[in-house]
């Protein structure tokens, strides 16, 4: 799936996850594979516990980790695409639950 700045994403029901220190460990229920996220990825994962727009993720991450917005947006979109391919996140559609 291709996400844009306006896409709203949330973790899927096809996974279970936990925090280990400042990292996240995710088990993909579809493929039975464990995935690990570093501190930045774990922060994004934490934010995705509730539906978030990509633009909101970019603002939060670029501020917290002091990275240029353009670079941050590319990196966030790349991570979201990878998580989506593995069915770990999904697009949040209007009519699901309200945005925060």
N, C-alpha and C. Protein backbone atom coordinates (compact mmCIF):
# COMPACT_ATOMS: atom_id res chain seq x y z
N UNK A 1 0.85 -1.17 0.00
CA UNK A 1 0.00 0.00 0.00
C UNK A 1 0.89 1.24 0.00
N UNK A 2 0.47 2.23 -0.72
CA UNK A 2 1.21 3.48 -0.76
C UNK A 2 0.53 4.50 0.15
N UNK A 3 1.28 5.02 1.08
CA UNK A 3 0.77 6.01 2.01
C UNK A 3 1.21 7.41 1.58
N UNK A 4 0.42 8.40 1.98
CA UNK A 4 0.75 9.80 1.74
C UNK A 4 0.76 10.52 3.08
N UNK A 5 1.09 11.80 3.05
CA UNK A 5 1.08 12.60 4.29
C UNK A 5 -0.29 12.60 4.95
N UNK A 6 -1.34 12.48 4.16
CA UNK A 6 -2.70 12.53 4.68
C UNK A 6 -3.25 11.18 5.09
N UNK A 7 -2.54 10.11 4.79
CA UNK A 7 -2.99 8.77 5.18
C UNK A 7 -3.05 8.67 6.70
N UNK A 8 -4.02 7.93 7.16
CA UNK A 8 -4.15 7.67 8.59
C UNK A 8 -3.87 6.18 8.80
N UNK A 9 -2.95 5.87 9.70
CA UNK A 9 -2.53 4.48 9.91
C UNK A 9 -2.63 4.10 11.38
N UNK A 10 -2.72 2.79 11.60
CA UNK A 10 -2.84 2.25 12.95
C UNK A 10 -2.29 0.82 12.92
N UNK A 11 -1.86 0.30 14.06
CA UNK A 11 -1.39 -1.08 14.11
C UNK A 11 -2.55 -2.00 13.73
N UNK A 12 -2.23 -3.14 13.14
CA UNK A 12 -3.26 -4.09 12.73
C UNK A 12 -3.53 -5.10 13.84
N UNK A 13 -4.57 -5.87 13.65
CA UNK A 13 -4.88 -6.95 14.58
C UNK A 13 -4.07 -8.20 14.28
N UNK A 14 -3.24 -8.14 13.25
CA UNK A 14 -2.45 -9.29 12.78
C UNK A 14 -1.09 -9.36 13.46
N UNK A 15 -0.95 -8.81 14.65
CA UNK A 15 0.34 -8.76 15.33
C UNK A 15 0.14 -8.71 16.84
N UNK A 16 1.20 -9.06 17.55
CA UNK A 16 1.32 -8.79 18.98
C UNK A 16 2.70 -8.18 19.17
N UNK A 17 2.80 -7.28 20.15
CA UNK A 17 4.08 -6.59 20.31
C UNK A 17 4.33 -6.27 21.77
N UNK A 18 5.60 -5.97 22.04
CA UNK A 18 6.01 -5.55 23.38
C UNK A 18 7.23 -4.65 23.26
N UNK A 19 7.48 -3.91 24.31
CA UNK A 19 8.67 -3.06 24.38
C UNK A 19 9.76 -3.81 25.11
N UNK A 20 10.98 -3.66 24.63
CA UNK A 20 12.15 -4.22 25.28
C UNK A 20 13.17 -3.09 25.35
N UNK A 21 13.28 -2.48 26.52
CA UNK A 21 14.12 -1.29 26.63
C UNK A 21 13.51 -0.18 25.81
N UNK A 22 14.31 0.42 24.92
CA UNK A 22 13.77 1.47 24.05
C UNK A 22 13.47 0.95 22.65
N UNK A 23 13.38 -0.37 22.52
CA UNK A 23 13.06 -0.99 21.24
C UNK A 23 11.71 -1.69 21.32
N UNK A 24 11.20 -2.11 20.16
CA UNK A 24 9.94 -2.85 20.11
C UNK A 24 10.17 -4.17 19.41
N UNK A 25 9.49 -5.20 19.88
CA UNK A 25 9.52 -6.52 19.26
C UNK A 25 8.09 -6.84 18.86
N UNK A 26 7.92 -7.23 17.60
CA UNK A 26 6.59 -7.48 17.04
C UNK A 26 6.56 -8.88 16.44
N UNK A 27 5.52 -9.63 16.75
CA UNK A 27 5.31 -10.93 16.12
C UNK A 27 4.20 -10.77 15.10
N UNK A 28 4.53 -11.01 13.84
CA UNK A 28 3.52 -10.99 12.78
C UNK A 28 2.73 -12.29 12.83
N UNK A 29 1.43 -12.18 13.05
CA UNK A 29 0.60 -13.37 13.18
C UNK A 29 0.40 -14.08 11.84
N UNK A 30 0.48 -13.35 10.75
CA UNK A 30 0.31 -13.98 9.43
C UNK A 30 1.49 -14.86 9.05
N UNK A 31 2.70 -14.36 9.33
CA UNK A 31 3.88 -15.09 8.88
C UNK A 31 4.66 -15.74 10.02
N UNK A 32 4.29 -15.46 11.28
CA UNK A 32 4.97 -16.08 12.41
C UNK A 32 6.39 -15.59 12.61
N UNK A 33 6.72 -14.43 12.05
CA UNK A 33 8.07 -13.89 12.12
C UNK A 33 8.12 -12.76 13.14
N UNK A 34 9.23 -12.72 13.90
CA UNK A 34 9.47 -11.63 14.84
C UNK A 34 10.20 -10.51 14.12
N UNK A 35 9.79 -9.28 14.42
CA UNK A 35 10.43 -8.10 13.86
C UNK A 35 10.88 -7.21 15.00
N UNK A 36 11.99 -6.54 14.82
CA UNK A 36 12.49 -5.62 15.83
C UNK A 36 12.57 -4.21 15.29
N UNK A 37 12.25 -3.25 16.13
CA UNK A 37 12.36 -1.85 15.76
C UNK A 37 13.29 -1.15 16.73
N UNK A 38 14.17 -0.30 16.19
CA UNK A 38 15.07 0.48 17.04
C UNK A 38 14.27 1.56 17.76
N UNK A 39 14.95 2.44 18.46
CA UNK A 39 14.27 3.45 19.29
C UNK A 39 13.34 4.34 18.48
N UNK A 40 13.77 4.77 17.29
CA UNK A 40 12.91 5.63 16.47
C UNK A 40 11.70 4.84 15.97
N UNK A 41 11.95 3.65 15.45
CA UNK A 41 10.86 2.81 14.99
C UNK A 41 9.90 2.45 16.11
N UNK A 42 10.45 2.20 17.30
CA UNK A 42 9.61 1.87 18.45
C UNK A 42 8.74 3.06 18.84
N UNK A 43 9.25 4.26 18.71
CA UNK A 43 8.45 5.45 19.02
C UNK A 43 7.30 5.59 18.02
N UNK A 44 7.59 5.35 16.75
CA UNK A 44 6.55 5.38 15.73
C UNK A 44 5.50 4.31 16.06
N UNK A 45 5.95 3.12 16.39
CA UNK A 45 5.06 2.02 16.74
C UNK A 45 4.17 2.41 17.92
N UNK A 46 4.76 3.02 18.92
CA UNK A 46 4.00 3.47 20.09
C UNK A 46 2.92 4.46 19.67
N UNK A 47 3.27 5.40 18.80
CA UNK A 47 2.30 6.39 18.33
C UNK A 47 1.16 5.74 17.54
N UNK A 48 1.46 4.64 16.85
CA UNK A 48 0.46 3.98 16.01
C UNK A 48 -0.52 3.12 16.81
N UNK A 49 -0.40 3.11 18.12
CA UNK A 49 -1.37 2.38 18.95
C UNK A 49 -2.76 2.99 18.77
N UNK A 50 -2.80 4.27 18.43
CA UNK A 50 -4.05 4.93 18.06
C UNK A 50 -3.88 5.48 16.65
N UNK A 51 -4.95 5.60 15.90
CA UNK A 51 -4.83 6.08 14.52
C UNK A 51 -4.14 7.44 14.44
N UNK A 52 -3.18 7.54 13.52
CA UNK A 52 -2.41 8.78 13.33
C UNK A 52 -2.26 9.07 11.85
N UNK A 53 -2.30 10.35 11.52
CA UNK A 53 -1.97 10.76 10.16
C UNK A 53 -0.44 10.72 10.01
N UNK A 54 0.01 10.40 8.82
CA UNK A 54 1.44 10.36 8.54
C UNK A 54 2.06 11.71 8.85
N UNK A 55 1.39 12.79 8.49
CA UNK A 55 1.93 14.13 8.75
C UNK A 55 2.16 14.36 10.24
N UNK A 56 1.28 13.83 11.09
CA UNK A 56 1.45 13.96 12.53
C UNK A 56 2.65 13.16 13.01
N UNK A 57 2.81 11.95 12.47
CA UNK A 57 3.98 11.13 12.82
C UNK A 57 5.28 11.87 12.47
N UNK A 58 5.32 12.43 11.28
CA UNK A 58 6.51 13.14 10.81
C UNK A 58 6.83 14.32 11.72
N UNK A 59 5.83 15.10 12.07
CA UNK A 59 6.06 16.25 12.95
C UNK A 59 6.60 15.81 14.31
N UNK A 60 5.99 14.80 14.89
CA UNK A 60 6.40 14.33 16.20
C UNK A 60 7.82 13.78 16.17
N UNK A 61 8.10 12.90 15.21
CA UNK A 61 9.42 12.27 15.14
C UNK A 61 10.51 13.29 14.80
N UNK A 62 10.24 14.19 13.87
CA UNK A 62 11.28 15.17 13.51
C UNK A 62 11.59 16.09 14.69
N UNK A 63 10.57 16.42 15.48
CA UNK A 63 10.80 17.25 16.67
C UNK A 63 11.55 16.48 17.75
N UNK A 64 11.11 15.26 18.05
CA UNK A 64 11.71 14.50 19.14
C UNK A 64 13.13 14.02 18.84
N UNK A 65 13.42 13.73 17.57
CA UNK A 65 14.73 13.19 17.22
C UNK A 65 15.58 14.18 16.44
N UNK A 66 15.11 15.42 16.35
CA UNK A 66 15.85 16.50 15.70
C UNK A 66 16.40 16.11 14.33
N UNK A 67 15.48 15.74 13.46
CA UNK A 67 15.83 15.37 12.09
C UNK A 67 15.02 16.26 11.15
N UNK A 68 15.60 16.58 9.99
CA UNK A 68 14.91 17.42 9.01
C UNK A 68 13.60 16.77 8.58
N UNK A 69 12.58 17.57 8.43
CA UNK A 69 11.23 17.05 8.10
C UNK A 69 11.23 16.25 6.79
N UNK A 70 11.93 16.72 5.78
CA UNK A 70 11.93 16.02 4.49
C UNK A 70 12.53 14.62 4.64
N UNK A 71 13.65 14.55 5.31
CA UNK A 71 14.31 13.26 5.54
C UNK A 71 13.42 12.37 6.41
N UNK A 72 12.85 12.95 7.44
CA UNK A 72 11.98 12.22 8.34
C UNK A 72 10.77 11.65 7.59
N UNK A 73 10.17 12.45 6.74
CA UNK A 73 9.00 11.99 5.98
C UNK A 73 9.36 10.80 5.10
N UNK A 74 10.47 10.87 4.40
CA UNK A 74 10.90 9.75 3.56
C UNK A 74 11.10 8.49 4.40
N UNK A 75 11.78 8.63 5.53
CA UNK A 75 12.07 7.48 6.38
C UNK A 75 10.81 6.91 7.01
N UNK A 76 9.91 7.77 7.46
CA UNK A 76 8.66 7.30 8.05
C UNK A 76 7.83 6.57 7.01
N UNK A 77 7.70 7.15 5.81
CA UNK A 77 6.93 6.49 4.76
C UNK A 77 7.55 5.14 4.37
N UNK A 78 8.87 5.06 4.31
CA UNK A 78 9.53 3.79 4.00
C UNK A 78 9.20 2.75 5.07
N UNK A 79 9.28 3.13 6.34
CA UNK A 79 8.97 2.20 7.42
C UNK A 79 7.52 1.77 7.36
N UNK A 80 6.61 2.70 7.14
CA UNK A 80 5.20 2.36 7.08
C UNK A 80 4.90 1.40 5.93
N UNK A 81 5.54 1.60 4.80
CA UNK A 81 5.35 0.68 3.66
C UNK A 81 5.80 -0.73 4.03
N UNK A 82 6.95 -0.82 4.69
CA UNK A 82 7.47 -2.13 5.10
C UNK A 82 6.55 -2.79 6.12
N UNK A 83 6.09 -2.05 7.11
CA UNK A 83 5.18 -2.60 8.11
C UNK A 83 3.87 -3.03 7.47
N UNK A 84 3.41 -2.28 6.50
CA UNK A 84 2.18 -2.63 5.79
C UNK A 84 2.34 -3.91 4.98
N UNK A 85 3.46 -4.05 4.28
CA UNK A 85 3.72 -5.27 3.50
C UNK A 85 3.68 -6.51 4.38
N UNK A 86 4.06 -6.35 5.63
CA UNK A 86 4.10 -7.48 6.57
C UNK A 86 2.80 -7.60 7.38
N UNK A 87 1.79 -6.80 7.02
CA UNK A 87 0.46 -6.80 7.66
C UNK A 87 0.53 -6.43 9.14
N UNK A 88 1.50 -5.60 9.51
CA UNK A 88 1.65 -5.18 10.90
C UNK A 88 0.90 -3.88 11.19
N UNK A 89 0.64 -3.10 10.15
CA UNK A 89 -0.18 -1.89 10.27
C UNK A 89 -1.20 -1.92 9.15
N UNK A 90 -2.20 -1.05 9.28
CA UNK A 90 -3.21 -0.93 8.24
C UNK A 90 -3.64 0.53 8.13
N UNK A 91 -4.23 0.85 7.00
CA UNK A 91 -4.79 2.18 6.86
C UNK A 91 -6.06 2.25 7.69
N UNK A 92 -6.22 3.35 8.38
CA UNK A 92 -7.41 3.60 9.19
C UNK A 92 -8.41 4.32 8.29
N UNK A 93 -9.54 3.70 8.07
CA UNK A 93 -10.57 4.27 7.18
C UNK A 93 -11.62 5.04 7.96
N UNK A 94 -12.17 6.05 7.32
CA UNK A 94 -13.25 6.80 7.94
C UNK A 94 -14.38 5.83 8.27
N UNK A 95 -14.93 5.98 9.44
CA UNK A 95 -15.98 5.06 9.85
C UNK A 95 -15.45 3.96 10.77
N UNK A 96 -14.11 3.78 10.81
CA UNK A 96 -13.54 2.81 11.76
C UNK A 96 -13.80 3.38 13.15
N UNK A 97 -12.83 3.95 13.77
CA UNK A 97 -13.00 4.65 15.05
C UNK A 97 -12.53 6.07 14.85
N UNK A 98 -12.95 6.97 15.66
CA UNK A 98 -12.61 8.38 15.50
C UNK A 98 -11.11 8.61 15.67
N UNK A 99 -10.59 9.59 14.96
CA UNK A 99 -9.20 10.01 15.15
C UNK A 99 -9.06 10.68 16.50
N UNK A 100 -7.86 10.57 17.08
CA UNK A 100 -7.65 11.25 18.38
C UNK A 100 -7.70 12.75 18.23
